[in-house]
mmCIF file of all heavy atoms, coordinates in Angstrom:
data_MODEL
# 
_entry.id   MODEL 
# 
loop_
_atom_site.group_PDB 
_atom_site.id 
_atom_site.type_symbol 
_atom_site.label_atom_id 
_atom_site.label_alt_id 
_atom_site.label_comp_id 
_atom_site.label_asym_id 
_atom_site.label_entity_id 
_atom_site.label_seq_id 
_atom_site.pdbx_PDB_ins_code 
_atom_site.Cartn_x 
_atom_site.Cartn_y 
_atom_site.Cartn_z 
_atom_site.occupancy 
_atom_site.B_iso_or_equiv 
_atom_site.pdbx_formal_charge 
_atom_site.auth_seq_id 
_atom_site.auth_comp_id 
_atom_site.auth_asym_id 
_atom_site.auth_atom_id 
_atom_site.pdbx_PDB_model_num 
ATOM 1   N N   . LEU A 1 1  ? 3.807   43.969 -26.048 1.00 0.00 ? 1  LEU A N   1 
ATOM 2   C CA  . LEU A 1 1  ? 4.111   43.163 -24.854 1.00 0.00 ? 1  LEU A CA  1 
ATOM 3   C C   . LEU A 1 1  ? 3.328   43.580 -23.617 1.00 0.00 ? 1  LEU A C   1 
ATOM 4   O O   . LEU A 1 1  ? 2.981   42.740 -22.787 1.00 0.00 ? 1  LEU A O   1 
ATOM 5   C CB  . LEU A 1 1  ? 5.611   43.204 -24.568 1.00 0.00 ? 1  LEU A CB  1 
ATOM 6   C CG  . LEU A 1 1  ? 6.492   42.514 -25.602 1.00 0.00 ? 1  LEU A CG  1 
ATOM 7   C CD1 . LEU A 1 1  ? 7.963   42.712 -25.263 1.00 0.00 ? 1  LEU A CD1 1 
ATOM 8   C CD2 . LEU A 1 1  ? 6.148   41.040 -25.702 1.00 0.00 ? 1  LEU A CD2 1 
ATOM 9   N N   . ALA A 1 2  ? 3.021   44.862 -23.492 1.00 0.00 ? 2  ALA A N   1 
ATOM 10  C CA  . ALA A 1 2  ? 2.307   45.341 -22.310 1.00 0.00 ? 2  ALA A CA  1 
ATOM 11  C C   . ALA A 1 2  ? 0.854   44.868 -22.279 1.00 0.00 ? 2  ALA A C   1 
ATOM 12  O O   . ALA A 1 2  ? 0.235   44.839 -21.215 1.00 0.00 ? 2  ALA A O   1 
ATOM 13  C CB  . ALA A 1 2  ? 2.357   46.865 -22.247 1.00 0.00 ? 2  ALA A CB  1 
ATOM 14  N N   . ARG A 1 3  ? 0.296   44.464 -23.414 1.00 0.00 ? 3  ARG A N   1 
ATOM 15  C CA  . ARG A 1 3  ? -1.126  44.126 -23.485 1.00 0.00 ? 3  ARG A CA  1 
ATOM 16  C C   . ARG A 1 3  ? -1.371  42.781 -24.172 1.00 0.00 ? 3  ARG A C   1 
ATOM 17  O O   . ARG A 1 3  ? -2.324  42.624 -24.914 1.00 0.00 ? 3  ARG A O   1 
ATOM 18  C CB  . ARG A 1 3  ? -1.878  45.215 -24.255 1.00 0.00 ? 3  ARG A CB  1 
ATOM 19  C CG  . ARG A 1 3  ? -1.640  46.619 -23.779 1.00 0.00 ? 3  ARG A CG  1 
ATOM 20  C CD  . ARG A 1 3  ? -2.663  47.240 -22.861 1.00 0.00 ? 3  ARG A CD  1 
ATOM 21  N NE  . ARG A 1 3  ? -4.039  46.912 -23.008 1.00 0.00 ? 3  ARG A NE  1 
ATOM 22  C CZ  . ARG A 1 3  ? -4.954  47.641 -23.649 1.00 0.00 ? 3  ARG A CZ  1 
ATOM 23  N NH1 . ARG A 1 3  ? -4.604  48.743 -24.264 1.00 0.00 ? 3  ARG A NH1 1 
ATOM 24  N NH2 . ARG A 1 3  ? -6.204  47.270 -23.652 1.00 0.00 ? 3  ARG A NH2 1 
ATOM 25  N N   . SER A 1 4  ? -0.499  41.805 -23.949 1.00 0.00 ? 4  SER A N   1 
ATOM 26  C CA  . SER A 1 4  ? -0.616  40.544 -24.658 1.00 0.00 ? 4  SER A CA  1 
ATOM 27  C C   . SER A 1 4  ? -0.674  39.348 -23.716 1.00 0.00 ? 4  SER A C   1 
ATOM 28  O O   . SER A 1 4  ? 0.101   39.242 -22.767 1.00 0.00 ? 4  SER A O   1 
ATOM 29  C CB  . SER A 1 4  ? 0.572   40.375 -25.615 1.00 0.00 ? 4  SER A CB  1 
ATOM 30  O OG  . SER A 1 4  ? 0.476   39.152 -26.300 1.00 0.00 ? 4  SER A OG  1 
ATOM 31  N N   . ASN A 1 5  ? -1.597  38.442 -23.998 1.00 0.00 ? 5  ASN A N   1 
ATOM 32  C CA  . ASN A 1 5  ? -1.672  37.144 -23.330 1.00 0.00 ? 5  ASN A CA  1 
ATOM 33  C C   . ASN A 1 5  ? -0.910  36.173 -24.228 1.00 0.00 ? 5  ASN A C   1 
ATOM 34  O O   . ASN A 1 5  ? -1.363  35.857 -25.323 1.00 0.00 ? 5  ASN A O   1 
ATOM 35  C CB  . ASN A 1 5  ? -3.136  36.724 -23.173 1.00 0.00 ? 5  ASN A CB  1 
ATOM 36  C CG  . ASN A 1 5  ? -3.275  35.390 -22.509 1.00 0.00 ? 5  ASN A CG  1 
ATOM 37  O OD1 . ASN A 1 5  ? -2.423  34.985 -21.716 1.00 0.00 ? 5  ASN A OD1 1 
ATOM 38  N ND2 . ASN A 1 5  ? -4.344  34.689 -22.823 1.00 0.00 ? 5  ASN A ND2 1 
ATOM 39  N N   . ASP A 1 6  ? 0.248   35.713 -23.785 1.00 0.00 ? 6  ASP A N   1 
ATOM 40  C CA  . ASP A 1 6  ? 1.113   34.930 -24.657 1.00 0.00 ? 6  ASP A CA  1 
ATOM 41  C C   . ASP A 1 6  ? 1.894   33.903 -23.839 1.00 0.00 ? 6  ASP A C   1 
ATOM 42  O O   . ASP A 1 6  ? 1.494   33.570 -22.724 1.00 0.00 ? 6  ASP A O   1 
ATOM 43  C CB  . ASP A 1 6  ? 2.020   35.845 -25.483 1.00 0.00 ? 6  ASP A CB  1 
ATOM 44  C CG  . ASP A 1 6  ? 2.737   36.887 -24.645 1.00 0.00 ? 6  ASP A CG  1 
ATOM 45  O OD1 . ASP A 1 6  ? 3.156   36.565 -23.512 1.00 0.00 ? 6  ASP A OD1 1 
ATOM 46  O OD2 . ASP A 1 6  ? 2.890   38.028 -25.108 1.00 0.00 ? 6  ASP A OD2 1 
ATOM 47  N N   . SER A 1 7  ? 3.010   33.434 -24.361 1.00 0.00 ? 7  SER A N   1 
ATOM 48  C CA  . SER A 1 7  ? 3.773   32.370 -23.698 1.00 0.00 ? 7  SER A CA  1 
ATOM 49  C C   . SER A 1 7  ? 4.359   32.798 -22.354 1.00 0.00 ? 7  SER A C   1 
ATOM 50  O O   . SER A 1 7  ? 4.734   31.948 -21.554 1.00 0.00 ? 7  SER A O   1 
ATOM 51  C CB  . SER A 1 7  ? 4.894   31.867 -24.608 1.00 0.00 ? 7  SER A CB  1 
ATOM 52  O OG  . SER A 1 7  ? 4.357   31.071 -25.639 1.00 0.00 ? 7  SER A OG  1 
ATOM 53  N N   . ARG A 1 8  ? 4.417   34.092 -22.081 1.00 0.00 ? 8  ARG A N   1 
ATOM 54  C CA  . ARG A 1 8  ? 4.864   34.521 -20.759 1.00 0.00 ? 8  ARG A CA  1 
ATOM 55  C C   . ARG A 1 8  ? 3.888   34.044 -19.699 1.00 0.00 ? 8  ARG A C   1 
ATOM 56  O O   . ARG A 1 8  ? 4.256   33.815 -18.556 1.00 0.00 ? 8  ARG A O   1 
ATOM 57  C CB  . ARG A 1 8  ? 5.014   36.038 -20.703 1.00 0.00 ? 8  ARG A CB  1 
ATOM 58  C CG  . ARG A 1 8  ? 6.152   36.546 -21.592 1.00 0.00 ? 8  ARG A CG  1 
ATOM 59  C CD  . ARG A 1 8  ? 6.168   38.036 -21.682 1.00 0.00 ? 8  ARG A CD  1 
ATOM 60  N NE  . ARG A 1 8  ? 4.920   38.471 -22.318 1.00 0.00 ? 8  ARG A NE  1 
ATOM 61  C CZ  . ARG A 1 8  ? 4.462   39.714 -22.282 1.00 0.00 ? 8  ARG A CZ  1 
ATOM 62  N NH1 . ARG A 1 8  ? 5.135   40.647 -21.638 1.00 0.00 ? 8  ARG A NH1 1 
ATOM 63  N NH2 . ARG A 1 8  ? 3.343   40.028 -22.888 1.00 0.00 ? 8  ARG A NH2 1 
ATOM 64  N N   . ARG A 1 9  ? 2.631   33.884 -20.083 1.00 0.00 ? 9  ARG A N   1 
ATOM 65  C CA  . ARG A 1 9  ? 1.596   33.394 -19.168 1.00 0.00 ? 9  ARG A CA  1 
ATOM 66  C C   . ARG A 1 9  ? 1.188   31.958 -19.491 1.00 0.00 ? 9  ARG A C   1 
ATOM 67  O O   . ARG A 1 9  ? 0.942   31.153 -18.603 1.00 0.00 ? 9  ARG A O   1 
ATOM 68  C CB  . ARG A 1 9  ? 0.356   34.291 -19.256 1.00 0.00 ? 9  ARG A CB  1 
ATOM 69  C CG  . ARG A 1 9  ? -0.735  33.881 -18.309 1.00 0.00 ? 9  ARG A CG  1 
ATOM 70  C CD  . ARG A 1 9  ? -1.869  34.906 -18.293 1.00 0.00 ? 9  ARG A CD  1 
ATOM 71  N NE  . ARG A 1 9  ? -3.060  34.315 -17.744 1.00 0.00 ? 9  ARG A NE  1 
ATOM 72  C CZ  . ARG A 1 9  ? -4.014  33.730 -18.461 1.00 0.00 ? 9  ARG A CZ  1 
ATOM 73  N NH1 . ARG A 1 9  ? -3.921  33.670 -19.762 1.00 0.00 ? 9  ARG A NH1 1 
ATOM 74  N NH2 . ARG A 1 9  ? -5.063  33.216 -17.883 1.00 0.00 ? 9  ARG A NH2 1 
ATOM 75  N N   . LEU A 1 10 ? 1.133   31.624 -20.776 1.00 0.00 ? 10 LEU A N   1 
ATOM 76  C CA  . LEU A 1 10 ? 0.634   30.316 -21.204 1.00 0.00 ? 10 LEU A CA  1 
ATOM 77  C C   . LEU A 1 10 ? 1.715   29.241 -21.263 1.00 0.00 ? 10 LEU A C   1 
ATOM 78  O O   . LEU A 1 10 ? 1.402   28.059 -21.318 1.00 0.00 ? 10 LEU A O   1 
ATOM 79  C CB  . LEU A 1 10 ? -0.018  30.441 -22.587 1.00 0.00 ? 10 LEU A CB  1 
ATOM 80  C CG  . LEU A 1 10 ? -1.176  31.422 -22.695 1.00 0.00 ? 10 LEU A CG  1 
ATOM 81  C CD1 . LEU A 1 10 ? -1.567  31.623 -24.155 1.00 0.00 ? 10 LEU A CD1 1 
ATOM 82  C CD2 . LEU A 1 10 ? -2.358  30.939 -21.866 1.00 0.00 ? 10 LEU A CD2 1 
ATOM 83  N N   . GLY A 1 11 ? 2.978   29.656 -21.298 1.00 0.00 ? 11 GLY A N   1 
ATOM 84  C CA  . GLY A 1 11 ? 4.069   28.688 -21.404 1.00 0.00 ? 11 GLY A CA  1 
ATOM 85  C C   . GLY A 1 11 ? 4.180   28.150 -22.823 1.00 0.00 ? 11 GLY A C   1 
ATOM 86  O O   . GLY A 1 11 ? 3.820   28.814 -23.798 1.00 0.00 ? 11 GLY A O   1 
ATOM 87  N N   . TYR A 1 12 ? 4.691   26.924 -22.908 1.00 0.00 ? 12 TYR A N   1 
ATOM 88  C CA  . TYR A 1 12 ? 4.831   26.286 -24.218 1.00 0.00 ? 12 TYR A CA  1 
ATOM 89  C C   . TYR A 1 12 ? 3.450   25.997 -24.802 1.00 0.00 ? 12 TYR A C   1 
ATOM 90  O O   . TYR A 1 12 ? 2.554   25.544 -24.095 1.00 0.00 ? 12 TYR A O   1 
ATOM 91  C CB  . TYR A 1 12 ? 5.571   24.957 -24.098 1.00 0.00 ? 12 TYR A CB  1 
ATOM 92  C CG  . TYR A 1 12 ? 7.013   25.078 -23.694 1.00 0.00 ? 12 TYR A CG  1 
ATOM 93  C CD1 . TYR A 1 12 ? 7.448   24.584 -22.474 1.00 0.00 ? 12 TYR A CD1 1 
ATOM 94  C CD2 . TYR A 1 12 ? 7.940   25.668 -24.542 1.00 0.00 ? 12 TYR A CD2 1 
ATOM 95  C CE1 . TYR A 1 12 ? 8.782   24.669 -22.102 1.00 0.00 ? 12 TYR A CE1 1 
ATOM 96  C CE2 . TYR A 1 12 ? 9.278   25.766 -24.172 1.00 0.00 ? 12 TYR A CE2 1 
ATOM 97  C CZ  . TYR A 1 12 ? 9.687   25.264 -22.952 1.00 0.00 ? 12 TYR A CZ  1 
ATOM 98  O OH  . TYR A 1 12 ? 11.004  25.353 -22.590 1.00 0.00 ? 12 TYR A OH  1 
ATOM 99  N N   . LEU A 1 13 ? 3.294   26.232 -26.085 1.00 0.00 ? 13 LEU A N   1 
ATOM 100 C CA  . LEU A 1 13 ? 2.079   25.824 -26.783 1.00 0.00 ? 13 LEU A CA  1 
ATOM 101 C C   . LEU A 1 13 ? 2.395   24.539 -27.541 1.00 0.00 ? 13 LEU A C   1 
ATOM 102 O O   . LEU A 1 13 ? 3.447   24.444 -28.185 1.00 0.00 ? 13 LEU A O   1 
ATOM 103 C CB  . LEU A 1 13 ? 1.620   26.910 -27.754 1.00 0.00 ? 13 LEU A CB  1 
ATOM 104 C CG  . LEU A 1 13 ? 1.202   28.232 -27.115 1.00 0.00 ? 13 LEU A CG  1 
ATOM 105 C CD1 . LEU A 1 13 ? 0.822   29.236 -28.197 1.00 0.00 ? 13 LEU A CD1 1 
ATOM 106 C CD2 . LEU A 1 13 ? 0.050   28.037 -26.162 1.00 0.00 ? 13 LEU A CD2 1 
ATOM 107 N N   . PRO A 1 14 ? 1.497   23.555 -27.506 1.00 0.00 ? 14 PRO A N   1 
ATOM 108 C CA  . PRO A 1 14 ? 1.764   22.306 -28.216 1.00 0.00 ? 14 PRO A CA  1 
ATOM 109 C C   . PRO A 1 14 ? 1.614   22.487 -29.725 1.00 0.00 ? 14 PRO A C   1 
ATOM 110 O O   . PRO A 1 14 ? 0.906   23.387 -30.190 1.00 0.00 ? 14 PRO A O   1 
ATOM 111 C CB  . PRO A 1 14 ? 0.701   21.350 -27.667 1.00 0.00 ? 14 PRO A CB  1 
ATOM 112 C CG  . PRO A 1 14 ? -0.409  22.244 -27.226 1.00 0.00 ? 14 PRO A CG  1 
ATOM 113 C CD  . PRO A 1 14 ? 0.251   23.529 -26.770 1.00 0.00 ? 14 PRO A CD  1 
ATOM 114 N N   . ALA A 1 15 ? 2.271   21.618 -30.475 1.00 0.00 ? 15 ALA A N   1 
ATOM 115 C CA  . ALA A 1 15 ? 2.231   21.692 -31.941 1.00 0.00 ? 15 ALA A CA  1 
ATOM 116 C C   . ALA A 1 15 ? 0.808   21.666 -32.467 1.00 0.00 ? 15 ALA A C   1 
ATOM 117 O O   . ALA A 1 15 ? 0.491   22.350 -33.443 1.00 0.00 ? 15 ALA A O   1 
ATOM 118 C CB  . ALA A 1 15 ? 3.041   20.548 -32.546 1.00 0.00 ? 15 ALA A CB  1 
ATOM 119 N N   . ASP A 1 16 ? -0.079  20.907 -31.820 1.00 0.00 ? 16 ASP A N   1 
ATOM 120 C CA  . ASP A 1 16 ? -1.449  20.825 -32.342 1.00 0.00 ? 16 ASP A CA  1 
ATOM 121 C C   . ASP A 1 16 ? -2.262  22.086 -32.070 1.00 0.00 ? 16 ASP A C   1 
ATOM 122 O O   . ASP A 1 16 ? -3.378  22.229 -32.554 1.00 0.00 ? 16 ASP A O   1 
ATOM 123 C CB  . ASP A 1 16 ? -2.164  19.578 -31.839 1.00 0.00 ? 16 ASP A CB  1 
ATOM 124 C CG  . ASP A 1 16 ? -2.337  19.536 -30.332 1.00 0.00 ? 16 ASP A CG  1 
ATOM 125 O OD1 . ASP A 1 16 ? -1.892  20.462 -29.632 1.00 0.00 ? 16 ASP A OD1 1 
ATOM 126 O OD2 . ASP A 1 16 ? -2.926  18.554 -29.844 1.00 0.00 ? 16 ASP A OD2 1 
ATOM 127 N N   . ALA A 1 17 ? -1.710  23.051 -31.319 1.00 0.00 ? 17 ALA A N   1 
ATOM 128 C CA  . ALA A 1 17 ? -2.383  24.342 -31.126 1.00 0.00 ? 17 ALA A CA  1 
ATOM 129 C C   . ALA A 1 17 ? -2.174  25.257 -32.327 1.00 0.00 ? 17 ALA A C   1 
ATOM 130 O O   . ALA A 1 17 ? -2.925  26.211 -32.525 1.00 0.00 ? 17 ALA A O   1 
ATOM 131 C CB  . ALA A 1 17 ? -1.872  25.026 -29.866 1.00 0.00 ? 17 ALA A CB  1 
ATOM 132 N N   . LEU A 1 18 ? -1.161  24.955 -33.129 1.00 0.00 ? 18 LEU A N   1 
ATOM 133 C CA  . LEU A 1 18 ? -0.862  25.785 -34.297 1.00 0.00 ? 18 LEU A CA  1 
ATOM 134 C C   . LEU A 1 18 ? -1.913  25.579 -35.386 1.00 0.00 ? 18 LEU A C   1 
ATOM 135 O O   . LEU A 1 18 ? -2.193  24.448 -35.783 1.00 0.00 ? 18 LEU A O   1 
ATOM 136 C CB  . LEU A 1 18 ? 0.522   25.435 -34.844 1.00 0.00 ? 18 LEU A CB  1 
ATOM 137 C CG  . LEU A 1 18 ? 0.939   26.162 -36.109 1.00 0.00 ? 18 LEU A CG  1 
ATOM 138 C CD1 . LEU A 1 18 ? 1.143   27.650 -35.841 1.00 0.00 ? 18 LEU A CD1 1 
ATOM 139 C CD2 . LEU A 1 18 ? 2.201   25.535 -36.672 1.00 0.00 ? 18 LEU A CD2 1 
ATOM 140 N N   . ILE A 1 19 ? -2.472  26.682 -35.858 1.00 0.00 ? 19 ILE A N   1 
ATOM 141 C CA  . ILE A 1 19 ? -3.421  26.628 -36.976 1.00 0.00 ? 19 ILE A CA  1 
ATOM 142 C C   . ILE A 1 19 ? -2.694  26.941 -38.275 1.00 0.00 ? 19 ILE A C   1 
ATOM 143 O O   . ILE A 1 19 ? -2.830  26.227 -39.255 1.00 0.00 ? 19 ILE A O   1 
ATOM 144 C CB  . ILE A 1 19 ? -4.591  27.601 -36.754 1.00 0.00 ? 19 ILE A CB  1 
ATOM 145 C CG1 . ILE A 1 19 ? -5.393  27.173 -35.529 1.00 0.00 ? 19 ILE A CG1 1 
ATOM 146 C CG2 . ILE A 1 19 ? -5.473  27.667 -37.999 1.00 0.00 ? 19 ILE A CG2 1 
ATOM 147 C CD1 . ILE A 1 19 ? -6.459  28.150 -35.099 1.00 0.00 ? 19 ILE A CD1 1 
ATOM 148 N N   . GLY A 1 20 ? -1.915  28.017 -38.281 1.00 0.00 ? 20 GLY A N   1 
ATOM 149 C CA  . GLY A 1 20 ? -1.222  28.360 -39.515 1.00 0.00 ? 20 GLY A CA  1 
ATOM 150 C C   . GLY A 1 20 ? -0.378  29.609 -39.388 1.00 0.00 ? 20 GLY A C   1 
ATOM 151 O O   . GLY A 1 20 ? -0.265  30.220 -38.317 1.00 0.00 ? 20 GLY A O   1 
ATOM 152 N N   . VAL A 1 21 ? 0.201   29.986 -40.519 1.00 0.00 ? 21 VAL A N   1 
ATOM 153 C CA  . VAL A 1 21 ? 1.096   31.135 -40.623 1.00 0.00 ? 21 VAL A CA  1 
ATOM 154 C C   . VAL A 1 21 ? 0.401   32.241 -41.409 1.00 0.00 ? 21 VAL A C   1 
ATOM 155 O O   . VAL A 1 21 ? -0.211  31.980 -42.454 1.00 0.00 ? 21 VAL A O   1 
ATOM 156 C CB  . VAL A 1 21 ? 2.408   30.731 -41.344 1.00 0.00 ? 21 VAL A CB  1 
ATOM 157 C CG1 . VAL A 1 21 ? 3.309   31.917 -41.547 1.00 0.00 ? 21 VAL A CG1 1 
ATOM 158 C CG2 . VAL A 1 21 ? 3.120   29.630 -40.570 1.00 0.00 ? 21 VAL A CG2 1 
ATOM 159 N N   . VAL A 1 22 ? 0.489   33.459 -40.917 1.00 0.00 ? 22 VAL A N   1 
ATOM 160 C CA  . VAL A 1 22 ? -0.116  34.604 -41.592 1.00 0.00 ? 22 VAL A CA  1 
ATOM 161 C C   . VAL A 1 22 ? 0.670   34.891 -42.869 1.00 0.00 ? 22 VAL A C   1 
ATOM 162 O O   . VAL A 1 22 ? 1.891   35.049 -42.832 1.00 0.00 ? 22 VAL A O   1 
ATOM 163 C CB  . VAL A 1 22 ? -0.164  35.844 -40.686 1.00 0.00 ? 22 VAL A CB  1 
ATOM 164 C CG1 . VAL A 1 22 ? -0.636  37.067 -41.455 1.00 0.00 ? 22 VAL A CG1 1 
ATOM 165 C CG2 . VAL A 1 22 ? -1.066  35.580 -39.484 1.00 0.00 ? 22 VAL A CG2 1 
ATOM 166 N N   . LEU A 1 23 ? -0.048  34.960 -43.993 1.00 0.00 ? 23 LEU A N   1 
ATOM 167 C CA  . LEU A 1 23 ? 0.573   35.311 -45.262 1.00 0.00 ? 23 LEU A CA  1 
ATOM 168 C C   . LEU A 1 23 ? 0.579   36.817 -45.486 1.00 0.00 ? 23 LEU A C   1 
ATOM 169 O O   . LEU A 1 23 ? 1.579   37.391 -45.884 1.00 0.00 ? 23 LEU A O   1 
ATOM 170 C CB  . LEU A 1 23 ? -0.149  34.632 -46.424 1.00 0.00 ? 23 LEU A CB  1 
ATOM 171 C CG  . LEU A 1 23 ? -0.112  33.103 -46.420 1.00 0.00 ? 23 LEU A CG  1 
ATOM 172 C CD1 . LEU A 1 23 ? -0.972  32.544 -47.556 1.00 0.00 ? 23 LEU A CD1 1 
ATOM 173 C CD2 . LEU A 1 23 ? 1.325   32.613 -46.542 1.00 0.00 ? 23 LEU A CD2 1 
ATOM 174 N N   . ARG A 1 24 ? -0.588  37.436 -45.229 1.00 0.00 ? 24 ARG A N   1 
ATOM 175 C CA  . ARG A 1 24 ? -0.685  38.881 -45.419 1.00 0.00 ? 24 ARG A CA  1 
ATOM 176 C C   . ARG A 1 24 ? -2.052  39.354 -44.962 1.00 0.00 ? 24 ARG A C   1 
ATOM 177 O O   . ARG A 1 24 ? -2.993  38.578 -44.851 1.00 0.00 ? 24 ARG A O   1 
ATOM 178 C CB  . ARG A 1 24 ? -0.474  39.259 -46.877 1.00 0.00 ? 24 ARG A CB  1 
ATOM 179 C CG  . ARG A 1 24 ? -1.556  38.745 -47.814 1.00 0.00 ? 24 ARG A CG  1 
ATOM 180 C CD  . ARG A 1 24 ? -1.230  39.081 -49.270 1.00 0.00 ? 24 ARG A CD  1 
ATOM 181 N NE  . ARG A 1 24 ? -2.311  38.730 -50.139 1.00 0.00 ? 24 ARG A NE  1 
ATOM 182 C CZ  . ARG A 1 24 ? -3.335  39.506 -50.441 1.00 0.00 ? 24 ARG A CZ  1 
ATOM 183 N NH1 . ARG A 1 24 ? -3.447  40.695 -49.928 1.00 0.00 ? 24 ARG A NH1 1 
ATOM 184 N NH2 . ARG A 1 24 ? -4.275  39.093 -51.262 1.00 0.00 ? 24 ARG A NH2 1 
ATOM 185 N N   . PRO A 1 25 ? -2.170  40.666 -44.708 1.00 0.00 ? 25 PRO A N   1 
ATOM 186 C CA  . PRO A 1 25 ? -3.496  41.221 -44.414 1.00 0.00 ? 25 PRO A CA  1 
ATOM 187 C C   . PRO A 1 25 ? -4.306  41.283 -45.712 1.00 0.00 ? 25 PRO A C   1 
ATOM 188 O O   . PRO A 1 25 ? -3.739  41.382 -46.808 1.00 0.00 ? 25 PRO A O   1 
ATOM 189 C CB  . PRO A 1 25 ? -3.200  42.620 -43.892 1.00 0.00 ? 25 PRO A CB  1 
ATOM 190 C CG  . PRO A 1 25 ? -1.790  42.927 -44.214 1.00 0.00 ? 25 PRO A CG  1 
ATOM 191 C CD  . PRO A 1 25 ? -1.107  41.646 -44.564 1.00 0.00 ? 25 PRO A CD  1 
ATOM 192 N N   . ILE A 1 26 ? -5.609  41.207 -45.585 1.00 0.00 ? 26 ILE A N   1 
ATOM 193 C CA  . ILE A 1 26 ? -6.497  41.317 -46.749 1.00 0.00 ? 26 ILE A CA  1 
ATOM 194 C C   . ILE A 1 26 ? -7.592  42.321 -46.461 1.00 0.00 ? 26 ILE A C   1 
ATOM 195 O O   . ILE A 1 26 ? -7.991  42.514 -45.332 1.00 0.00 ? 26 ILE A O   1 
ATOM 196 C CB  . ILE A 1 26 ? -7.110  39.963 -47.159 1.00 0.00 ? 26 ILE A CB  1 
ATOM 197 C CG1 . ILE A 1 26 ? -7.919  39.360 -46.011 1.00 0.00 ? 26 ILE A CG1 1 
ATOM 198 C CG2 . ILE A 1 26 ? -6.041  38.999 -47.614 1.00 0.00 ? 26 ILE A CG2 1 
ATOM 199 C CD1 . ILE A 1 26 ? -8.704  38.149 -46.412 1.00 0.00 ? 26 ILE A CD1 1 
ATOM 200 N N   . GLY A 1 27 ? -8.080  42.920 -47.508 1.00 0.00 ? 27 GLY A N   1 
ATOM 201 C CA  . GLY A 1 27 ? -9.190  43.860 -47.377 1.00 0.00 ? 27 GLY A CA  1 
ATOM 202 C C   . GLY A 1 27 ? -8.857  45.016 -46.462 1.00 0.00 ? 27 GLY A C   1 
ATOM 203 O O   . GLY A 1 27 ? -7.719  45.234 -46.081 1.00 0.00 ? 27 GLY A O   1 
ATOM 204 N N   . GLN A 1 28 ? -9.867  45.758 -46.094 1.00 0.00 ? 28 GLN A N   1 
ATOM 205 C CA  . GLN A 1 28 ? -9.713  46.883 -45.195 1.00 0.00 ? 28 GLN A CA  1 
ATOM 206 C C   . GLN A 1 28 ? -10.708 46.736 -44.069 1.00 0.00 ? 28 GLN A C   1 
ATOM 207 O O   . GLN A 1 28 ? -11.733 46.089 -44.219 1.00 0.00 ? 28 GLN A O   1 
ATOM 208 C CB  . GLN A 1 28 ? -9.923  48.192 -45.931 1.00 0.00 ? 28 GLN A CB  1 
ATOM 209 C CG  . GLN A 1 28 ? -8.921  48.357 -47.043 1.00 0.00 ? 28 GLN A CG  1 
ATOM 210 C CD  . GLN A 1 28 ? -8.808  49.812 -47.438 1.00 0.00 ? 28 GLN A CD  1 
ATOM 211 O OE1 . GLN A 1 28 ? -9.583  50.639 -46.998 1.00 0.00 ? 28 GLN A OE1 1 
ATOM 212 N NE2 . GLN A 1 28 ? -7.842  50.125 -48.278 1.00 0.00 ? 28 GLN A NE2 1 
# 
């Protein structure tokens, strides 16, 4: 939270801003 640009600054994000959901990390 101390180092994030998020809805506290951006407000609501519209549905079309959503790209997808993270499934898992891959590789190293």
